[in-house]
N, C-alpha and C. Protein backbone atom coordinates (compact mmCIF):
# COMPACT_ATOMS: atom_id res chain seq x y z
N MET A 1 118.60 127.14 106.23
CA MET A 1 117.22 126.45 106.32
C MET A 1 116.22 127.43 106.79
N LYS A 2 115.03 127.53 106.10
CA LYS A 2 114.03 128.48 106.43
C LYS A 2 113.51 128.17 107.86
N LYS A 3 112.93 129.27 108.38
CA LYS A 3 112.30 129.02 109.83
C LYS A 3 111.20 128.10 109.87
N GLU A 4 110.34 128.11 108.68
CA GLU A 4 109.16 127.34 108.64
C GLU A 4 109.63 125.90 108.65
N THR A 5 110.57 125.58 107.78
CA THR A 5 111.03 124.21 107.60
C THR A 5 111.63 123.64 108.92
N LEU A 6 112.44 124.49 109.52
CA LEU A 6 113.00 124.12 110.89
C LEU A 6 111.93 123.77 111.91
N LEU A 7 110.81 124.62 111.85
CA LEU A 7 109.76 124.43 112.84
C LEU A 7 109.04 123.14 112.60
N ILE A 8 108.83 122.83 111.32
CA ILE A 8 108.15 121.68 110.98
C ILE A 8 108.98 120.44 111.35
N VAL A 9 110.15 120.44 111.05
CA VAL A 9 111.03 119.36 111.45
C VAL A 9 111.10 119.10 112.98
N VAL A 10 111.19 120.21 113.73
CA VAL A 10 111.21 120.12 115.26
C VAL A 10 109.91 119.62 115.73
N VAL A 11 108.82 120.06 115.19
CA VAL A 11 107.44 119.69 115.65
C VAL A 11 107.23 118.19 115.24
N THR A 12 107.62 117.74 114.07
CA THR A 12 107.57 116.43 113.64
C THR A 12 108.36 115.41 114.61
N LEU A 13 109.54 115.89 114.82
CA LEU A 13 110.34 115.05 115.79
C LEU A 13 109.81 114.88 117.16
N VAL A 14 109.26 115.94 117.67
CA VAL A 14 108.68 115.95 119.14
C VAL A 14 107.35 115.14 119.07
N ALA A 15 106.68 115.33 117.88
CA ALA A 15 105.38 114.45 117.94
C ALA A 15 105.82 113.03 117.83
N GLY A 16 106.81 112.68 116.93
CA GLY A 16 107.19 111.35 116.73
C GLY A 16 107.62 110.76 118.07
N PHE A 17 108.43 111.49 118.85
CA PHE A 17 108.90 111.02 120.18
C PHE A 17 107.83 110.74 121.04
N ILE A 18 106.82 111.66 121.17
CA ILE A 18 105.67 111.46 122.03
C ILE A 18 104.81 110.21 121.63
N ILE A 19 104.46 110.08 120.45
CA ILE A 19 103.83 108.90 119.91
C ILE A 19 104.59 107.63 120.23
N GLY A 20 105.86 107.71 119.94
CA GLY A 20 106.74 106.52 120.31
C GLY A 20 106.72 106.12 121.66
N LEU A 21 106.63 107.17 122.67
CA LEU A 21 106.43 106.80 124.03
C LEU A 21 105.10 106.18 124.32
N MET A 22 104.03 106.70 123.71
CA MET A 22 102.78 106.25 123.98
C MET A 22 102.60 104.87 123.58
N PHE A 23 102.99 104.53 122.28
CA PHE A 23 102.59 103.23 121.71
C PHE A 23 103.84 102.27 121.81
N GLY A 24 104.88 102.72 122.26
CA GLY A 24 106.13 101.79 122.39
C GLY A 24 106.18 101.10 123.59
N GLN A 25 105.04 101.01 124.32
CA GLN A 25 105.02 100.26 125.66
C GLN A 25 103.85 99.14 125.45
N ASN A 26 104.38 97.94 125.94
CA ASN A 26 103.29 96.88 125.89
C ASN A 26 102.63 96.88 127.28
N ASP A 27 101.79 95.88 127.42
CA ASP A 27 100.95 95.77 128.70
C ASP A 27 101.68 95.80 129.92
N SER A 28 102.89 95.27 129.93
CA SER A 28 103.73 95.18 131.10
C SER A 28 104.48 96.40 131.44
N GLY A 29 104.44 97.43 130.48
CA GLY A 29 105.02 98.60 130.78
C GLY A 29 106.49 98.76 130.23
N THR A 30 106.85 97.70 129.61
CA THR A 30 108.27 97.71 128.98
C THR A 30 108.22 98.00 127.57
N LYS A 31 109.18 98.56 127.04
CA LYS A 31 109.24 98.96 125.58
C LYS A 31 109.36 97.62 124.80
N THR A 32 108.60 97.75 123.67
CA THR A 32 108.76 96.67 122.64
C THR A 32 109.85 97.04 121.64
N LEU A 33 110.79 96.16 121.42
CA LEU A 33 111.92 96.36 120.55
C LEU A 33 111.80 95.52 119.31
N ALA A 34 112.20 96.04 118.18
CA ALA A 34 112.20 95.21 116.99
C ALA A 34 113.34 94.31 117.02
N PRO A 35 113.23 93.09 116.37
CA PRO A 35 114.43 92.19 116.33
C PRO A 35 115.56 92.87 115.88
N ALA A 36 116.74 92.26 116.38
CA ALA A 36 117.94 92.78 115.85
C ALA A 36 117.99 92.54 114.31
N GLY A 37 118.52 93.49 113.71
CA GLY A 37 118.62 93.41 112.15
C GLY A 37 117.40 93.67 111.38
N ALA A 38 116.29 93.95 112.11
CA ALA A 38 115.04 94.29 111.45
C ALA A 38 115.16 95.82 110.90
N PRO A 39 114.54 95.92 109.83
CA PRO A 39 114.61 97.41 109.21
C PRO A 39 113.87 98.37 110.16
N THR A 40 114.34 99.55 110.29
CA THR A 40 113.94 100.50 111.25
C THR A 40 113.00 101.48 110.52
N GLY A 41 112.87 101.19 109.22
CA GLY A 41 111.85 102.10 108.45
C GLY A 41 112.63 102.64 107.32
N PRO A 42 111.96 103.28 106.32
CA PRO A 42 112.56 103.70 105.10
C PRO A 42 113.38 105.01 105.41
N MET A 43 114.47 105.20 104.81
CA MET A 43 115.21 106.48 104.81
C MET A 43 114.49 107.56 104.25
N PRO A 44 114.37 108.70 105.03
CA PRO A 44 113.66 109.84 104.51
C PRO A 44 114.05 110.33 103.15
N THR A 45 113.24 110.17 102.17
CA THR A 45 113.69 110.52 100.81
C THR A 45 114.05 111.98 100.71
N VAL A 46 113.39 112.84 101.39
CA VAL A 46 113.71 114.37 101.27
C VAL A 46 115.09 114.48 101.76
N ASN A 47 115.46 114.00 102.85
CA ASN A 47 116.85 114.16 103.38
C ASN A 47 117.80 113.53 102.44
N LEU A 48 117.48 112.50 101.91
CA LEU A 48 118.47 111.82 101.04
C LEU A 48 118.61 112.63 99.78
N GLN A 49 117.56 113.01 99.16
CA GLN A 49 117.73 113.91 98.01
C GLN A 49 118.34 115.14 98.27
N GLN A 50 118.12 115.74 99.38
CA GLN A 50 118.86 116.97 99.81
C GLN A 50 120.20 116.80 99.93
N LYS A 51 120.75 115.79 100.66
CA LYS A 51 122.23 115.44 100.76
C LYS A 51 122.72 115.22 99.45
N LEU A 52 122.09 114.39 98.65
CA LEU A 52 122.72 114.06 97.29
C LEU A 52 122.86 115.43 96.56
N GLY A 53 121.89 116.21 96.54
CA GLY A 53 121.93 117.43 95.79
C GLY A 53 123.07 118.39 96.37
N GLU A 54 123.19 118.39 97.64
CA GLU A 54 124.33 119.37 98.28
C GLU A 54 125.70 118.72 97.87
N LEU A 55 125.88 117.43 97.83
CA LEU A 55 127.13 116.77 97.63
C LEU A 55 127.40 116.86 96.08
N LYS A 56 126.41 116.89 95.23
CA LYS A 56 126.58 117.08 93.80
C LYS A 56 127.09 118.47 93.46
N ASN A 57 126.48 119.24 94.18
CA ASN A 57 126.85 120.76 93.94
C ASN A 57 128.42 120.98 94.45
N ILE A 58 128.78 120.37 95.53
CA ILE A 58 130.10 120.41 95.93
C ILE A 58 131.07 119.84 94.98
N VAL A 59 130.77 118.72 94.51
CA VAL A 59 131.83 118.05 93.54
C VAL A 59 131.72 118.72 92.22
N ALA A 60 130.52 119.30 91.88
CA ALA A 60 130.51 120.08 90.58
C ALA A 60 131.45 121.33 90.68
N ASN A 61 131.39 121.97 91.82
CA ASN A 61 132.25 123.18 92.00
C ASN A 61 133.68 122.88 92.43
N ASP A 62 133.97 121.68 92.98
CA ASP A 62 135.26 121.32 93.43
C ASP A 62 135.46 119.78 92.99
N PRO A 63 135.71 119.54 91.77
CA PRO A 63 135.79 118.11 91.44
C PRO A 63 137.01 117.45 92.07
N ALA A 64 137.96 118.10 92.65
CA ALA A 64 139.08 117.42 93.32
C ALA A 64 138.86 117.22 94.78
N ASN A 65 137.56 117.40 95.26
CA ASN A 65 137.30 117.31 96.58
C ASN A 65 137.08 115.76 97.09
N PHE A 66 138.12 115.14 97.48
CA PHE A 66 138.15 113.69 97.73
C PHE A 66 136.99 113.32 98.79
N GLN A 67 136.86 114.11 99.83
CA GLN A 67 135.94 113.85 100.88
C GLN A 67 134.51 113.88 100.40
N ALA A 68 134.28 114.80 99.53
CA ALA A 68 132.83 115.01 98.90
C ALA A 68 132.52 113.81 98.01
N TRP A 69 133.58 113.37 97.23
CA TRP A 69 133.15 112.25 96.42
C TRP A 69 132.92 110.95 97.26
N VAL A 70 133.68 110.82 98.36
CA VAL A 70 133.55 109.65 99.13
C VAL A 70 132.18 109.79 99.88
N ALA A 71 131.81 111.04 100.41
CA ALA A 71 130.53 111.11 100.97
C ALA A 71 129.35 110.84 99.98
N LEU A 72 129.62 111.23 98.84
CA LEU A 72 128.52 111.12 97.78
C LEU A 72 128.42 109.56 97.51
N GLY A 73 129.53 108.91 97.38
CA GLY A 73 129.46 107.38 97.19
C GLY A 73 128.84 106.75 98.35
N ASN A 74 129.14 107.25 99.51
CA ASN A 74 128.57 106.61 100.73
C ASN A 74 127.04 106.81 100.79
N GLU A 75 126.51 107.92 100.38
CA GLU A 75 125.05 108.26 100.38
C GLU A 75 124.44 107.17 99.27
N TYR A 76 125.07 107.03 98.22
CA TYR A 76 124.59 106.06 97.21
C TYR A 76 124.61 104.64 97.80
N PHE A 77 125.73 104.32 98.33
CA PHE A 77 125.88 103.04 98.91
C PHE A 77 124.80 102.73 99.92
N ASP A 78 124.48 103.62 100.87
CA ASP A 78 123.46 103.43 101.87
C ASP A 78 122.07 103.42 101.33
N SER A 79 121.89 103.96 100.13
CA SER A 79 120.48 103.89 99.44
C SER A 79 120.48 102.92 98.35
N ASN A 80 121.40 102.11 98.30
CA ASN A 80 121.45 100.83 97.38
C ASN A 80 121.47 101.30 95.92
N GLN A 81 122.08 102.29 95.69
CA GLN A 81 122.21 102.89 94.26
C GLN A 81 123.67 102.49 93.85
N PHE A 82 123.83 101.20 93.50
CA PHE A 82 125.15 100.59 93.24
C PHE A 82 126.01 101.29 92.30
N MET A 83 125.39 101.58 91.02
CA MET A 83 126.23 101.95 89.94
C MET A 83 126.59 103.57 90.25
N ASP A 84 125.68 104.26 90.81
CA ASP A 84 126.05 105.70 91.28
C ASP A 84 127.15 105.62 92.26
N ALA A 85 127.17 104.73 93.21
CA ALA A 85 128.21 104.61 94.19
C ALA A 85 129.42 104.34 93.53
N ILE A 86 129.46 103.37 92.73
CA ILE A 86 130.78 102.90 91.99
C ILE A 86 131.26 104.13 91.34
N GLU A 87 130.57 104.95 90.58
CA GLU A 87 131.01 106.05 89.84
C GLU A 87 131.58 107.13 90.86
N ALA A 88 130.95 107.35 91.80
CA ALA A 88 131.45 108.31 92.87
C ALA A 88 132.76 107.82 93.39
N TYR A 89 132.83 106.59 93.85
CA TYR A 89 134.07 106.04 94.31
C TYR A 89 135.21 106.09 93.31
N ASP A 90 134.80 105.79 92.01
CA ASP A 90 135.84 105.93 90.97
C ASP A 90 136.43 107.44 90.96
N LYS A 91 135.57 108.29 91.22
CA LYS A 91 136.08 109.75 91.10
C LYS A 91 137.04 109.97 92.36
N ALA A 92 136.58 109.42 93.47
CA ALA A 92 137.49 109.52 94.75
C ALA A 92 138.69 108.85 94.42
N LEU A 93 138.72 107.67 93.93
CA LEU A 93 139.97 106.87 93.77
C LEU A 93 140.89 107.58 92.61
N ALA A 94 140.30 108.28 91.75
CA ALA A 94 141.10 108.89 90.72
C ALA A 94 142.08 109.97 91.51
N ILE A 95 141.49 110.50 92.66
CA ILE A 95 142.20 111.52 93.36
C ILE A 95 143.17 110.89 94.34
N LYS A 96 142.71 109.82 94.98
CA LYS A 96 143.54 109.14 96.00
C LYS A 96 143.33 107.67 95.79
N PRO A 97 144.10 107.06 94.88
CA PRO A 97 143.86 105.66 94.48
C PRO A 97 144.30 104.66 95.53
N ASP A 98 144.88 104.95 96.64
CA ASP A 98 145.34 104.11 97.65
C ASP A 98 144.50 104.19 98.95
N SER A 99 143.24 104.41 98.70
CA SER A 99 142.38 104.46 99.94
C SER A 99 141.73 103.08 100.16
N PRO A 100 142.21 102.50 101.19
CA PRO A 100 141.56 101.08 101.44
C PRO A 100 140.16 101.10 101.76
N ASN A 101 139.64 102.27 102.43
CA ASN A 101 138.20 102.19 102.74
C ASN A 101 137.38 102.41 101.58
N VAL A 102 137.85 103.19 100.65
CA VAL A 102 137.08 103.49 99.47
C VAL A 102 137.04 102.26 98.38
N LEU A 103 138.28 101.70 98.44
CA LEU A 103 138.38 100.42 97.56
C LEU A 103 137.54 99.34 98.14
N THR A 104 137.41 99.19 99.35
CA THR A 104 136.57 98.24 100.01
C THR A 104 135.08 98.55 99.87
N ASP A 105 134.63 99.78 100.14
CA ASP A 105 133.36 100.13 99.91
C ASP A 105 132.89 99.99 98.35
N GLN A 106 133.84 100.26 97.41
CA GLN A 106 133.45 100.02 96.06
C GLN A 106 133.34 98.57 95.69
N GLY A 107 134.28 97.93 96.32
CA GLY A 107 134.29 96.33 96.20
C GLY A 107 132.97 95.75 96.77
N VAL A 108 132.43 96.29 97.79
CA VAL A 108 131.01 95.83 98.28
C VAL A 108 130.07 96.11 97.17
N MET A 109 130.13 97.24 96.56
CA MET A 109 129.15 97.50 95.42
C MET A 109 129.20 96.59 94.30
N PHE A 110 130.54 96.28 93.96
CA PHE A 110 130.78 95.32 92.94
C PHE A 110 130.11 93.92 93.16
N LYS A 111 130.39 93.56 94.41
CA LYS A 111 129.75 92.27 94.96
C LYS A 111 128.31 92.30 94.86
N ARG A 112 127.69 93.34 95.24
CA ARG A 112 126.06 93.39 95.14
C ARG A 112 125.66 93.40 93.79
N LEU A 113 126.48 93.74 92.77
CA LEU A 113 126.07 93.60 91.36
C LEU A 113 126.47 92.24 90.72
N GLY A 114 127.10 91.45 91.57
CA GLY A 114 127.48 90.13 91.12
C GLY A 114 128.75 90.21 90.31
N TRP A 115 129.53 91.28 90.45
CA TRP A 115 130.90 91.43 89.68
C TRP A 115 131.94 91.02 90.67
N PHE A 116 132.05 89.71 91.09
CA PHE A 116 132.89 89.04 92.02
C PHE A 116 134.35 89.26 91.69
N ASP A 117 134.79 89.17 90.52
CA ASP A 117 136.23 89.44 90.09
C ASP A 117 136.67 90.89 90.55
N ARG A 118 135.80 91.72 90.22
CA ARG A 118 136.14 93.25 90.46
C ARG A 118 136.13 93.35 92.06
N ALA A 119 135.14 92.71 92.71
CA ALA A 119 135.14 92.95 94.21
C ALA A 119 136.44 92.36 94.76
N ILE A 120 136.80 91.17 94.26
CA ILE A 120 138.00 90.60 94.79
C ILE A 120 139.26 91.45 94.49
N GLY A 121 139.32 91.94 93.37
CA GLY A 121 140.39 92.93 92.98
C GLY A 121 140.44 94.10 93.89
N ASN A 122 139.34 94.70 94.24
CA ASN A 122 139.38 95.85 95.05
C ASN A 122 139.67 95.50 96.56
N PHE A 123 139.15 94.37 97.02
CA PHE A 123 139.53 93.99 98.39
C PHE A 123 140.98 93.53 98.44
N THR A 124 141.57 92.79 97.56
CA THR A 124 142.89 92.49 97.47
C THR A 124 143.78 93.79 97.49
N LYS A 125 143.40 94.64 96.59
CA LYS A 125 144.26 96.00 96.54
C LYS A 125 144.13 96.65 97.81
N ALA A 126 143.08 96.77 98.43
CA ALA A 126 142.92 97.42 99.80
C ALA A 126 143.75 96.84 100.80
N ASN A 127 143.87 95.49 100.77
CA ASN A 127 144.78 94.80 101.74
C ASN A 127 146.17 94.88 101.41
N GLN A 128 146.50 95.11 100.10
CA GLN A 128 147.86 95.29 99.74
C GLN A 128 148.32 96.78 100.27
N VAL A 129 147.43 97.70 100.04
CA VAL A 129 147.78 99.06 100.45
C VAL A 129 147.81 99.09 101.96
N ASP A 130 146.97 98.52 102.66
CA ASP A 130 147.07 98.51 104.19
C ASP A 130 146.97 97.03 104.62
N PRO A 131 147.98 96.29 104.89
CA PRO A 131 147.84 94.95 105.34
C PRO A 131 147.11 94.72 106.59
N SER A 132 146.94 95.82 107.46
CA SER A 132 146.12 95.59 108.62
C SER A 132 144.63 96.08 108.35
N HIS A 133 144.26 96.16 107.10
CA HIS A 133 142.82 96.54 106.91
C HIS A 133 141.95 95.36 106.92
N ALA A 134 141.36 95.01 108.14
CA ALA A 134 140.62 93.91 108.36
C ALA A 134 139.24 93.80 107.57
N THR A 135 138.66 95.09 107.34
CA THR A 135 137.33 94.84 106.61
C THR A 135 137.53 94.33 105.22
N SER A 136 138.51 94.71 104.56
CA SER A 136 138.78 94.14 103.09
C SER A 136 139.05 92.62 103.22
N LEU A 137 139.68 92.10 104.20
CA LEU A 137 139.83 90.63 104.34
C LEU A 137 138.48 90.05 104.70
N TYR A 138 137.74 90.55 105.56
CA TYR A 138 136.42 90.07 105.98
C TYR A 138 135.60 89.93 104.64
N ASN A 139 135.47 90.88 103.87
CA ASN A 139 134.67 90.93 102.62
C ASN A 139 135.25 90.01 101.63
N LEU A 140 136.61 89.83 101.61
CA LEU A 140 137.21 88.99 100.64
C LEU A 140 136.85 87.57 100.84
N GLY A 141 136.82 87.25 102.19
CA GLY A 141 136.28 85.92 102.69
C GLY A 141 134.87 85.69 102.27
N ILE A 142 134.06 86.74 102.45
CA ILE A 142 132.57 86.65 102.25
C ILE A 142 132.36 86.25 100.79
N VAL A 143 132.99 86.91 99.82
CA VAL A 143 132.84 86.66 98.43
C VAL A 143 133.33 85.12 98.15
N TYR A 144 134.55 84.85 98.66
CA TYR A 144 135.02 83.50 98.37
C TYR A 144 134.08 82.45 98.95
N ARG A 145 133.54 82.60 100.11
CA ARG A 145 132.82 81.59 100.73
C ARG A 145 131.43 81.45 100.16
N TYR A 146 130.68 82.67 100.09
CA TYR A 146 129.35 82.51 99.81
C TYR A 146 128.96 82.79 98.40
N ASP A 147 129.80 83.60 97.61
CA ASP A 147 129.50 83.75 96.34
C ASP A 147 130.13 82.87 95.30
N LEU A 148 131.46 82.51 95.59
CA LEU A 148 132.18 81.69 94.68
C LEU A 148 132.45 80.27 95.23
N GLN A 149 132.03 80.05 96.43
CA GLN A 149 132.23 78.71 97.02
C GLN A 149 133.69 78.20 96.97
N ASP A 150 134.58 79.16 96.98
CA ASP A 150 135.99 78.79 96.96
C ASP A 150 136.54 78.77 98.52
N PHE A 151 136.28 77.66 99.03
CA PHE A 151 136.47 77.55 100.51
C PHE A 151 137.96 77.75 100.93
N PRO A 152 138.92 77.14 100.20
CA PRO A 152 140.29 77.32 100.68
C PRO A 152 140.71 78.87 100.63
N LYS A 153 140.25 79.57 99.80
CA LYS A 153 140.58 80.95 99.60
C LYS A 153 139.73 81.72 100.78
N ALA A 154 138.58 81.33 101.04
CA ALA A 154 137.76 82.02 102.09
C ALA A 154 138.60 81.75 103.39
N GLU A 155 139.02 80.56 103.56
CA GLU A 155 139.75 80.15 104.77
C GLU A 155 141.07 80.94 104.92
N GLU A 156 141.73 81.21 103.83
CA GLU A 156 142.93 81.95 103.81
C GLU A 156 142.64 83.43 104.19
N ALA A 157 141.66 84.00 103.54
CA ALA A 157 141.26 85.36 103.82
C ALA A 157 140.93 85.56 105.37
N TRP A 158 140.14 84.64 105.81
CA TRP A 158 139.62 84.75 107.18
C TRP A 158 140.53 84.50 108.25
N THR A 159 141.67 83.65 107.85
CA THR A 159 142.69 83.37 108.85
C THR A 159 143.50 84.67 108.96
N LYS A 160 143.82 85.26 108.00
CA LYS A 160 144.57 86.62 107.95
C LYS A 160 143.67 87.67 108.78
N PHE A 161 142.34 87.64 108.45
CA PHE A 161 141.40 88.54 109.21
C PHE A 161 141.42 88.38 110.69
N LEU A 162 141.43 87.12 111.16
CA LEU A 162 141.42 86.90 112.54
C LEU A 162 142.80 87.21 113.22
N GLU A 163 143.88 87.06 112.36
CA GLU A 163 145.16 87.49 112.94
C GLU A 163 145.22 88.98 113.11
N ILE A 164 144.55 89.80 112.35
CA ILE A 164 144.49 91.17 112.44
C ILE A 164 143.58 91.64 113.40
N SER A 165 142.42 91.10 113.49
CA SER A 165 141.21 91.46 114.26
C SER A 165 140.59 90.32 115.02
N PRO A 166 141.20 89.70 115.96
CA PRO A 166 140.70 88.52 116.68
C PRO A 166 139.48 88.83 117.51
N THR A 167 139.18 90.11 117.84
CA THR A 167 137.95 90.30 118.73
C THR A 167 137.05 91.47 118.02
N GLY A 168 137.46 91.82 116.77
CA GLY A 168 136.74 92.91 116.18
C GLY A 168 135.35 92.46 115.58
N PRO A 169 134.69 93.42 114.92
CA PRO A 169 133.45 93.16 114.34
C PRO A 169 133.54 92.08 113.37
N GLY A 170 132.62 91.12 113.42
CA GLY A 170 132.60 90.05 112.56
C GLY A 170 133.54 88.77 112.86
N SER A 171 134.41 88.96 113.93
CA SER A 171 135.23 87.88 114.28
C SER A 171 134.46 86.65 114.66
N ASP A 172 133.42 86.69 115.42
CA ASP A 172 132.66 85.61 115.90
C ASP A 172 132.11 84.82 114.68
N ARG A 173 131.58 85.62 113.71
CA ARG A 173 130.96 84.93 112.57
C ARG A 173 132.02 84.22 111.81
N VAL A 174 133.19 84.82 111.69
CA VAL A 174 134.16 84.28 110.86
C VAL A 174 134.65 82.94 111.55
N ARG A 175 134.90 82.98 112.79
CA ARG A 175 135.18 81.82 113.56
C ARG A 175 134.21 80.59 113.41
N GLN A 176 132.95 80.95 113.49
CA GLN A 176 131.90 80.05 113.22
C GLN A 176 131.96 79.38 111.83
N ASP A 177 132.20 80.31 110.85
CA ASP A 177 132.33 79.87 109.43
C ASP A 177 133.53 78.92 109.18
N LEU A 178 134.55 79.34 109.79
CA LEU A 178 135.83 78.55 109.58
C LEU A 178 135.72 77.18 110.37
N GLU A 179 135.04 77.26 111.45
CA GLU A 179 134.82 75.88 112.21
C GLU A 179 133.97 75.04 111.48
N PHE A 180 132.95 75.50 110.70
CA PHE A 180 132.06 74.92 109.95
C PHE A 180 132.91 74.18 108.72
N LEU A 181 133.54 74.94 108.08
CA LEU A 181 134.36 74.46 106.90
C LEU A 181 135.38 73.47 107.38
N ARG A 182 135.96 73.63 108.54
CA ARG A 182 137.01 72.64 108.93
C ARG A 182 136.28 71.29 109.35
N SER A 183 135.09 71.43 109.99
CA SER A 183 134.50 70.31 110.65
C SER A 183 133.48 69.57 109.71
N HIS A 184 133.41 70.07 108.37
CA HIS A 184 132.60 69.36 107.43
C HIS A 184 133.41 69.07 106.17
N PRO A 185 134.16 67.99 106.20
CA PRO A 185 135.15 67.65 105.09
C PRO A 185 134.24 67.32 103.90
N GLN A 186 132.94 66.88 104.11
CA GLN A 186 132.10 66.63 102.96
C GLN A 186 131.82 67.88 102.05
N VAL A 187 132.00 69.12 102.52
CA VAL A 187 131.85 70.26 101.84
C VAL A 187 133.12 70.43 100.95
N GLU A 188 132.90 70.45 99.62
CA GLU A 188 133.90 70.44 98.68
C GLU A 188 134.84 71.61 98.96
N LYS A 189 136.02 71.47 98.91
CA LYS A 189 137.03 72.42 99.08
C LYS A 189 137.84 72.57 97.80
């Protein structure tokens, strides 16, 4: 990185920090926080484009680099570039087809495109590869419950999820959804 670019980045970060301190306090002197889940601002395009360029160069020079394909897919995932993420994950899976994390991430991209059958296929395969892979079961339940309204299959996936991860991320939400499904028999199952 050039010295000028590094200096600009450092100065910008320091200025942002100082401005945040000055304006991040309300009248009572306590910091104002954004609500949970609120966007924290756009992802810096320059950094994203730079990362994508670097990763594209790596995979162009070393097409068998599994980690670089996954990283490229993750960058596309995080920036909502669904098709590019799917393609990068395809390349990673061609190298290592039994990666439950990559299968699950690609499944999430399929879900976001409305390709629910393909999402289910990926989540199911990820769970077959690693029966303790809780994230694939969580996402499988999400697709069945919210996208396909197949409540018995959502209940099955989430019951397995809770057996594997009773206190892990998403477990409280899953419990609430299961309780709702079980306590509302009028919801078609």
